[in-house]
Amino acid sequence: MDMDCRPGCAACCIAPSISTPIPKHQAGKPAGEPCLHLLPDLRCELFGQESRPKVCNSLRPNVEMCGTERIHALNFLQQLEADTKP
């Protein structure tokens, strides 16, 4: 079930790796490192813009991934990253 992003979470901007070049991350983004587009209030500076990477647009918040608190989302995405690592 889809849901709205939880304010102050940013798990999807930290936990997953991004394997393709994106603005400010020409070699991609390593897992566990905050994206350079993450603002101090934990919002994405590219949200809603055409320059936002497709991989980011495709990651939609949902109850399974996000749970009821930020730590659940971080743990879920870290495990997903480990499970899909080549």
PDB file of N, CA and C in Angstrom:
ATOM      1  N   MET A   1       0.852  -1.183   0.000  1.00  0.00           N
ATOM      2  CA  MET A   1       0.000   0.000   0.000  1.00  0.00           C
ATOM      3  C   MET A   1       0.892   1.238   0.000  1.00  0.00           C
ATOM      4  N   ASP A   2       0.668   2.115  -0.982  1.00  0.00           N
ATOM      5  CA  ASP A   2       1.448   3.342  -1.072  1.00  0.00           C
ATOM      6  C   ASP A   2       1.096   4.285   0.065  1.00  0.00           C
ATOM      7  N   MET A   3       2.035   5.154   0.386  1.00  0.00           N
ATOM      8  CA  MET A   3       1.841   6.133   1.448  1.00  0.00           C
ATOM      9  C   MET A   3       2.642   7.377   1.104  1.00  0.00           C
ATOM     10  N   ASP A   4       2.476   8.433   1.880  1.00  0.00           N
ATOM     11  CA  ASP A   4       3.276   9.646   1.714  1.00  0.00           C
ATOM     12  C   ASP A   4       4.595   9.471   2.442  1.00  0.00           C
ATOM     13  N   CYS A   5       5.617  10.182   1.982  1.00  0.00           N
ATOM     14  CA  CYS A   5       6.905  10.159   2.674  1.00  0.00           C
ATOM     15  C   CYS A   5       6.733  10.684   4.096  1.00  0.00           C
ATOM     16  N   ARG A   6       7.492  10.092   5.016  1.00  0.00           N
ATOM     17  CA  ARG A   6       7.468  10.527   6.403  1.00  0.00           C
ATOM     18  C   ARG A   6       8.438  11.708   6.551  1.00  0.00           C
ATOM     19  N   PRO A   7       7.967  12.858   7.011  1.00  0.00           N
ATOM     20  CA  PRO A   7       8.875  13.993   7.208  1.00  0.00           C
ATOM     21  C   PRO A   7      10.028  13.609   8.138  1.00  0.00           C
ATOM     22  N   GLY A   8      11.233  14.037   7.774  1.00  0.00           N
ATOM     23  CA  GLY A   8      12.397  13.785   8.601  1.00  0.00           C
ATOM     24  C   GLY A   8      12.946  12.382   8.518  1.00  0.00           C
ATOM     25  N   CYS A   9      12.569  11.613   7.534  1.00  0.00           N
ATOM     26  CA  CYS A   9      13.022  10.224   7.416  1.00  0.00           C
ATOM     27  C   CYS A   9      14.294  10.134   6.568  1.00  0.00           C
ATOM     28  N   ALA A  10      14.170  10.335   5.278  1.00  0.00           N
ATOM     29  CA  ALA A  10      15.279  10.322   4.321  1.00  0.00           C
ATOM     30  C   ALA A  10      15.993   8.982   4.205  1.00  0.00           C
ATOM     31  N   ALA A  11      15.391   7.902   4.685  1.00  0.00           N
ATOM     32  CA  ALA A  11      16.033   6.585   4.584  1.00  0.00           C
ATOM     33  C   ALA A  11      16.360   6.240   3.137  1.00  0.00           C
ATOM     34  N   CYS A  12      15.469   6.575   2.210  1.00  0.00           N
ATOM     35  CA  CYS A  12      15.694   6.246   0.801  1.00  0.00           C
ATOM     36  C   CYS A  12      16.770   7.126   0.171  1.00  0.00           C
ATOM     37  N   CYS A  13      17.182   8.178   0.854  1.00  0.00           N
ATOM     38  CA  CYS A  13      18.256   9.054   0.374  1.00  0.00           C
ATOM     39  C   CYS A  13      19.596   8.691   1.010  1.00  0.00           C
ATOM     40  N   ILE A  14      19.587   7.720   1.896  1.00  0.00           N
ATOM     41  CA  ILE A  14      20.800   7.323   2.615  1.00  0.00           C
ATOM     42  C   ILE A  14      21.144   5.854   2.373  1.00  0.00           C
ATOM     43  N   ALA A  15      20.231   4.945   2.665  1.00  0.00           N
ATOM     44  CA  ALA A  15      20.523   3.510   2.684  1.00  0.00           C
ATOM     45  C   ALA A  15      20.896   2.912   1.329  1.00  0.00           C
ATOM     46  N   PRO A  16      20.142   3.168   0.261  1.00  0.00           N
ATOM     47  CA  PRO A  16      20.458   2.477  -0.993  1.00  0.00           C
ATOM     48  C   PRO A  16      21.639   3.075  -1.742  1.00  0.00           C
ATOM     49  N   SER A  17      22.283   2.220  -2.519  1.00  0.00           N
ATOM     50  CA  SER A  17      23.300   2.703  -3.448  1.00  0.00           C
ATOM     51  C   SER A  17      22.593   3.130  -4.728  1.00  0.00           C
ATOM     52  N   ILE A  18      23.264   3.970  -5.494  1.00  0.00           N
ATOM     53  CA  ILE A  18      22.798   4.345  -6.827  1.00  0.00           C
ATOM     54  C   ILE A  18      23.960   4.041  -7.757  1.00  0.00           C
ATOM     55  N   SER A  19      23.751   3.128  -8.692  1.00  0.00           N
ATOM     56  CA  SER A  19      24.853   2.636  -9.514  1.00  0.00           C
ATOM     57  C   SER A  19      25.123   3.462 -10.766  1.00  0.00           C
ATOM     58  N   THR A  20      24.236   4.381 -11.081  1.00  0.00           N
ATOM     59  CA  THR A  20      24.418   5.197 -12.276  1.00  0.00           C
ATOM     60  C   THR A  20      24.783   6.629 -11.882  1.00  0.00           C
ATOM     61  N   PRO A  21      25.450   7.348 -12.779  1.00  0.00           N
ATOM     62  CA  PRO A  21      25.781   8.741 -12.483  1.00  0.00           C
ATOM     63  C   PRO A  21      24.517   9.580 -12.321  1.00  0.00           C
ATOM     64  N   ILE A  22      24.534  10.458 -11.348  1.00  0.00           N
ATOM     65  CA  ILE A  22      23.457  11.412 -11.125  1.00  0.00           C
ATOM     66  C   ILE A  22      24.114  12.744 -10.795  1.00  0.00           C
ATOM     67  N   PRO A  23      23.381  13.853 -10.868  1.00  0.00           N
ATOM     68  CA  PRO A  23      23.981  15.139 -10.508  1.00  0.00           C
ATOM     69  C   PRO A  23      24.636  15.081  -9.118  1.00  0.00           C
ATOM     70  N   LYS A  24      25.826  15.609  -9.008  1.00  0.00           N
ATOM     71  CA  LYS A  24      26.644  15.650  -7.788  1.00  0.00           C
ATOM     72  C   LYS A  24      27.233  14.289  -7.402  1.00  0.00           C
ATOM     73  N   HIS A  25      26.866  13.231  -8.110  1.00  0.00           N
ATOM     74  CA  HIS A  25      27.390  11.883  -7.851  1.00  0.00           C
ATOM     75  C   HIS A  25      27.745  11.258  -9.207  1.00  0.00           C
ATOM     76  N   GLN A  26      28.799  11.744  -9.804  1.00  0.00           N
ATOM     77  CA  GLN A  26      29.138  11.276 -11.158  1.00  0.00           C
ATOM     78  C   GLN A  26      29.485   9.795 -11.216  1.00  0.00           C
ATOM     79  N   ALA A  27      29.903   9.217 -10.101  1.00  0.00           N
ATOM     80  CA  ALA A  27      30.215   7.781 -10.058  1.00  0.00           C
ATOM     81  C   ALA A  27      29.116   7.000  -9.341  1.00  0.00           C
ATOM     82  N   GLY A  28      27.963   7.592  -9.160  1.00  0.00           N
ATOM     83  CA  GLY A  28      26.896   6.957  -8.398  1.00  0.00           C
ATOM     84  C   GLY A  28      27.035   7.285  -6.914  1.00  0.00           C
ATOM     85  N   LYS A  29      26.173   6.684  -6.097  1.00  0.00           N
ATOM     86  CA  LYS A  29      26.186   6.938  -4.653  1.00  0.00           C
ATOM     87  C   LYS A  29      26.328   5.619  -3.905  1.00  0.00           C
ATOM     88  N   PRO A  30      27.314   5.522  -3.017  1.00  0.00           N
ATOM     89  CA  PRO A  30      27.460   4.294  -2.235  1.00  0.00           C
ATOM     90  C   PRO A  30      26.335   4.122  -1.212  1.00  0.00           C
ATOM     91  N   ALA A  31      26.008   2.888  -0.923  1.00  0.00           N
ATOM     92  CA  ALA A  31      25.003   2.578   0.093  1.00  0.00           C
ATOM     93  C   ALA A  31      25.452   3.122   1.440  1.00  0.00           C
ATOM     94  N   GLY A  32      24.497   3.623   2.204  1.00  0.00           N
ATOM     95  CA  GLY A  32      24.772   4.100   3.553  1.00  0.00           C
ATOM     96  C   GLY A  32      25.282   5.523   3.645  1.00  0.00           C
ATOM     97  N   GLU A  33      25.543   6.157   2.527  1.00  0.00           N
ATOM     98  CA  GLU A  33      26.001   7.552   2.525  1.00  0.00           C
ATOM     99  C   GLU A  33      24.855   8.457   2.104  1.00  0.00           C
ATOM    100  N   PRO A  34      24.652   9.561   2.806  1.00  0.00           N
ATOM    101  CA  PRO A  34      23.590  10.490   2.401  1.00  0.00           C
ATOM    102  C   PRO A  34      23.848  11.041   0.994  1.00  0.00           C
ATOM    103  N   CYS A  35      22.804  11.167   0.225  1.00  0.00           N
ATOM    104  CA  CYS A  35      22.893  11.779  -1.094  1.00  0.00           C
ATOM    105  C   CYS A  35      23.292  13.246  -0.906  1.00  0.00           C
ATOM    106  N   LEU A  36      24.086  13.750  -1.835  1.00  0.00           N
ATOM    107  CA  LEU A  36      24.517  15.146  -1.751  1.00  0.00           C
ATOM    108  C   LEU A  36      23.378  16.128  -2.025  1.00  0.00           C
ATOM    109  N   HIS A  37      22.227  15.633  -2.444  1.00  0.00           N
ATOM    110  CA  HIS A  37      21.054  16.481  -2.659  1.00  0.00           C
ATOM    111  C   HIS A  37      20.149  16.512  -1.436  1.00  0.00           C
ATOM    112  N   LEU A  38      20.535  15.822  -0.384  1.00  0.00           N
ATOM    113  CA  LEU A  38      19.739  15.797   0.837  1.00  0.00           C
ATOM    114  C   LEU A  38      19.972  17.093   1.609  1.00  0.00           C
ATOM    115  N   LEU A  39      18.911  17.810   1.834  1.00  0.00           N
ATOM    116  CA  LEU A  39      18.985  19.093   2.533  1.00  0.00           C
ATOM    117  C   LEU A  39      19.056  18.873   4.050  1.00  0.00           C
ATOM    118  N   PRO A  40      19.494  19.879   4.808  1.00  0.00           N
ATOM    119  CA  PRO A  40      19.597  19.727   6.268  1.00  0.00           C
ATOM    120  C   PRO A  40      18.293  19.306   6.949  1.00  0.00           C
ATOM    121  N   ASP A  41      17.155  19.657   6.364  1.00  0.00           N
ATOM    122  CA  ASP A  41      15.873  19.254   6.959  1.00  0.00           C
ATOM    123  C   ASP A  41      15.407  17.886   6.435  1.00  0.00           C
ATOM    124  N   LEU A  42      16.330  17.156   5.788  1.00  0.00           N
ATOM    125  CA  LEU A  42      16.106  15.800   5.280  1.00  0.00           C
ATOM    126  C   LEU A  42      15.089  15.725   4.147  1.00  0.00           C
ATOM    127  N   ARG A  43      15.040  16.779   3.338  1.00  0.00           N
ATOM    128  CA  ARG A  43      14.248  16.772   2.107  1.00  0.00           C
ATOM    129  C   ARG A  43      15.203  16.748   0.923  1.00  0.00           C
ATOM    130  N   CYS A  44      14.729  16.284  -0.232  1.00  0.00           N
ATOM    131  CA  CYS A  44      15.539  16.237  -1.447  1.00  0.00           C
ATOM    132  C   CYS A  44      15.426  17.550  -2.201  1.00  0.00           C
ATOM    133  N   GLU A  45      16.566  18.141  -2.527  1.00  0.00           N
ATOM    134  CA  GLU A  45      16.532  19.403  -3.261  1.00  0.00           C
ATOM    135  C   GLU A  45      16.095  19.206  -4.717  1.00  0.00           C
ATOM    136  N   LEU A  46      16.054  17.963  -5.203  1.00  0.00           N
ATOM    137  CA  LEU A  46      15.628  17.697  -6.573  1.00  0.00           C
ATOM    138  C   LEU A  46      14.182  17.218  -6.677  1.00  0.00           C
ATOM    139  N   PHE A  47      13.517  17.036  -5.532  1.00  0.00           N
ATOM    140  CA  PHE A  47      12.161  16.500  -5.547  1.00  0.00           C
ATOM    141  C   PHE A  47      11.260  17.357  -6.426  1.00  0.00           C
ATOM    142  N   GLY A  48      10.551  16.705  -7.344  1.00  0.00           N
ATOM    143  CA  GLY A  48       9.639  17.401  -8.235  1.00  0.00           C
ATOM    144  C   GLY A  48      10.290  18.029  -9.450  1.00  0.00           C
ATOM    145  N   GLN A  49      11.607  17.921  -9.589  1.00  0.00           N
ATOM    146  CA  GLN A  49      12.307  18.501 -10.729  1.00  0.00           C
ATOM    147  C   GLN A  49      12.643  17.427 -11.755  1.00  0.00           C
ATOM    148  N   GLU A  50      12.764  17.817 -13.008  1.00  0.00           N
ATOM    149  CA  GLU A  50      13.107  16.876 -14.070  1.00  0.00           C
ATOM    150  C   GLU A  50      14.482  16.267 -13.868  1.00  0.00           C
ATOM    151  N   SER A  51      15.371  16.949 -13.191  1.00  0.00           N
ATOM    152  CA  SER A  51      16.728  16.445 -12.985  1.00  0.00           C
ATOM    153  C   SER A  51      16.804  15.370 -11.895  1.00  0.00           C
ATOM    154  N   ARG A  52      15.701  15.142 -11.182  1.00  0.00           N
ATOM    155  CA  ARG A  52      15.700  14.085 -10.166  1.00  0.00           C
ATOM    156  C   ARG A  52      15.869  12.745 -10.876  1.00  0.00           C
ATOM    157  N   PRO A  53      16.808  11.916 -10.410  1.00  0.00           N
ATOM    158  CA  PRO A  53      17.084  10.648 -11.089  1.00  0.00           C
ATOM    159  C   PRO A  53      15.869   9.724 -11.141  1.00  0.00           C
ATOM    160  N   LYS A  54      15.775   8.979 -12.236  1.00  0.00           N
ATOM    161  CA  LYS A  54      14.662   8.046 -12.421  1.00  0.00           C
ATOM    162  C   LYS A  54      14.615   7.021 -11.300  1.00  0.00           C
ATOM    163  N   VAL A  55      15.776   6.576 -10.848  1.00  0.00           N
ATOM    164  CA  VAL A  55      15.804   5.573  -9.775  1.00  0.00           C
ATOM    165  C   VAL A  55      15.156   6.132  -8.507  1.00  0.00           C
ATOM    166  N   CYS A  56      15.342   7.396  -8.246  1.00  0.00           N
ATOM    167  CA  CYS A  56      14.733   8.022  -7.069  1.00  0.00           C
ATOM    168  C   CYS A  56      13.229   8.169  -7.258  1.00  0.00           C
ATOM    169  N   ASN A  57      12.821   8.562  -8.453  1.00  0.00           N
ATOM    170  CA  ASN A  57      11.389   8.688  -8.731  1.00  0.00           C
ATOM    171  C   ASN A  57      10.672   7.348  -8.644  1.00  0.00           C
ATOM    172  N   SER A  58      11.371   6.270  -8.964  1.00  0.00           N
ATOM    173  CA  SER A  58      10.726   4.961  -8.979  1.00  0.00           C
ATOM    174  C   SER A  58      10.594   4.346  -7.583  1.00  0.00           C
ATOM    175  N   LEU A  59      11.349   4.821  -6.621  1.00  0.00           N
ATOM    176  CA  LEU A  59      11.263   4.298  -5.256  1.00  0.00           C
ATOM    177  C   LEU A  59      10.125   5.008  -4.532  1.00  0.00           C
ATOM    178  N   ARG A  60       9.000   4.331  -4.451  1.00  0.00           N
ATOM    179  CA  ARG A  60       7.792   4.920  -3.873  1.00  0.00           C
ATOM    180  C   ARG A  60       7.605   4.442  -2.437  1.00  0.00           C
ATOM    181  N   PRO A  61       7.307   5.329  -1.512  1.00  0.00           N
ATOM    182  CA  PRO A  61       7.087   4.903  -0.129  1.00  0.00           C
ATOM    183  C   PRO A  61       5.879   3.980  -0.020  1.00  0.00           C
ATOM    184  N   ASN A  62       6.047   2.934   0.775  1.00  0.00           N
ATOM    185  CA  ASN A  62       4.936   2.022   1.029  1.00  0.00           C
ATOM    186  C   ASN A  62       5.068   1.462   2.440  1.00  0.00           C
ATOM    187  N   VAL A  63       4.003   0.896   2.951  1.00  0.00           N
ATOM    188  CA  VAL A  63       3.971   0.434   4.335  1.00  0.00           C
ATOM    189  C   VAL A  63       5.027  -0.627   4.605  1.00  0.00           C
ATOM    190  N   GLU A  64       5.217  -1.572   3.673  1.00  0.00           N
ATOM    191  CA  GLU A  64       6.214  -2.632   3.883  1.00  0.00           C
ATOM    192  C   GLU A  64       7.614  -2.047   4.052  1.00  0.00           C
ATOM    193  N   MET A  65       7.985  -1.114   3.194  1.00  0.00           N
ATOM    194  CA  MET A  65       9.317  -0.535   3.231  1.00  0.00           C
ATOM    195  C   MET A  65       9.473   0.460   4.379  1.00  0.00           C
ATOM    196  N   CYS A  66       8.505   1.317   4.571  1.00  0.00           N
ATOM    197  CA  CYS A  66       8.650   2.426   5.510  1.00  0.00           C
ATOM    198  C   CYS A  66       8.249   2.086   6.939  1.00  0.00           C
ATOM    199  N   GLY A  67       7.337   1.142   7.102  1.00  0.00           N
ATOM    200  CA  GLY A  67       6.878   0.809   8.442  1.00  0.00           C
ATOM    201  C   GLY A  67       6.268   2.008   9.129  1.00  0.00           C
ATOM    202  N   THR A  68       6.405   2.043  10.453  1.00  0.00           N
ATOM    203  CA  THR A  68       5.821   3.146  11.219  1.00  0.00           C
ATOM    204  C   THR A  68       6.859   4.124  11.750  1.00  0.00           C
ATOM    205  N   GLU A  69       8.147   3.820  11.520  1.00  0.00           N
ATOM    206  CA  GLU A  69       9.188   4.738  11.985  1.00  0.00           C
ATOM    207  C   GLU A  69      10.421   4.666  11.095  1.00  0.00           C
ATOM    208  N   ARG A  70      11.238   5.681  11.160  1.00  0.00           N
ATOM    209  CA  ARG A  70      12.415   5.833  10.309  1.00  0.00           C
ATOM    210  C   ARG A  70      13.359   4.640  10.406  1.00  0.00           C
ATOM    211  N   ILE A  71      13.599   4.124  11.604  1.00  0.00           N
ATOM    212  CA  ILE A  71      14.551   3.031  11.779  1.00  0.00           C
ATOM    213  C   ILE A  71      14.108   1.793  11.003  1.00  0.00           C
ATOM    214  N   HIS A  72      12.801   1.561  10.917  1.00  0.00           N
ATOM    215  CA  HIS A  72      12.292   0.435  10.124  1.00  0.00           C
ATOM    216  C   HIS A  72      12.684   0.625   8.658  1.00  0.00           C
ATOM    217  N   ALA A  73      12.473   1.819   8.124  1.00  0.00           N
ATOM    218  CA  ALA A  73      12.800   2.094   6.728  1.00  0.00           C
ATOM    219  C   ALA A  73      14.297   1.936   6.469  1.00  0.00           C
ATOM    220  N   LEU A  74      15.127   2.454   7.362  1.00  0.00           N
ATOM    221  CA  LEU A  74      16.579   2.299   7.203  1.00  0.00           C
ATOM    222  C   LEU A  74      16.976   0.829   7.209  1.00  0.00           C
ATOM    223  N   ASN A  75      16.463   0.075   8.164  1.00  0.00           N
ATOM    224  CA  ASN A  75      16.789  -1.353   8.245  1.00  0.00           C
ATOM    225  C   ASN A  75      16.294  -2.110   7.018  1.00  0.00           C
ATOM    226  N   PHE A  76      15.069  -1.832   6.582  1.00  0.00           N
ATOM    227  CA  PHE A  76      14.496  -2.504   5.419  1.00  0.00           C
ATOM    228  C   PHE A  76      15.359  -2.251   4.182  1.00  0.00           C
ATOM    229  N   LEU A  77      15.708  -0.991   3.952  1.00  0.00           N
ATOM    230  CA  LEU A  77      16.485  -0.646   2.766  1.00  0.00           C
ATOM    231  C   LEU A  77      17.920  -1.166   2.850  1.00  0.00           C
ATOM    232  N   GLN A  78      18.505  -1.196   4.043  1.00  0.00           N
ATOM    233  CA  GLN A  78      19.843  -1.777   4.197  1.00  0.00           C
ATOM    234  C   GLN A  78      19.811  -3.274   3.887  1.00  0.00           C
ATOM    235  N   GLN A  79      18.778  -3.963   4.341  1.00  0.00           N
ATOM    236  CA  GLN A  79      18.653  -5.388   4.059  1.00  0.00           C
ATOM    237  C   GLN A  79      18.401  -5.637   2.572  1.00  0.00           C
ATOM    238  N   LEU A  80      17.574  -4.815   1.962  1.00  0.00           N
ATOM    239  CA  LEU A  80      17.321  -4.934   0.529  1.00  0.00           C
ATOM    240  C   LEU A  80      18.618  -4.720  -0.257  1.00  0.00           C
ATOM    241  N   GLU A  81      19.394  -3.752   0.165  1.00  0.00           N
ATOM    242  CA  GLU A  81      20.691  -3.477  -0.472  1.00  0.00           C
ATOM    243  C   GLU A  81      21.595  -4.716  -0.365  1.00  0.00           C
ATOM    244  N   ALA A  82      21.672  -5.304   0.827  1.00  0.00           N
ATOM    245  CA  ALA A  82      22.511  -6.500   1.023  1.00  0.00           C
ATOM    246  C   ALA A  82      21.996  -7.674   0.201  1.00  0.00           C
ATOM    247  N   ASP A  83      20.687  -7.852   0.154  1.00  0.00           N
ATOM    248  CA  ASP A  83      20.092  -8.973  -0.576  1.00  0.00           C
ATOM    249  C   ASP A  83      20.272  -8.877  -2.086  1.00  0.00           C
ATOM    250  N   THR A  84      20.435  -7.672  -2.597  1.00  0.00           N
ATOM    251  CA  THR A  84      20.542  -7.475  -4.057  1.00  0.00           C
ATOM    252  C   THR A  84      21.958  -7.127  -4.500  1.00  0.00           C
ATOM    253  N   LYS A  85      22.904  -7.181  -3.602  1.00  0.00           N
ATOM    254  CA  LYS A  85      24.294  -6.864  -3.933  1.00  0.00           C
ATOM    255  C   LYS A  85      24.855  -7.933  -4.875  1.00  0.00           C
ATOM    256  N   PRO A  86      25.501  -7.514  -5.960  1.00  0.00           N
ATOM    257  CA  PRO A  86      26.040  -8.512  -6.911  1.00  0.00           C
ATOM    258  C   PRO A  86      27.140  -9.369  -6.304  1.00  0.00           C
TER     259      PRO A  86
END
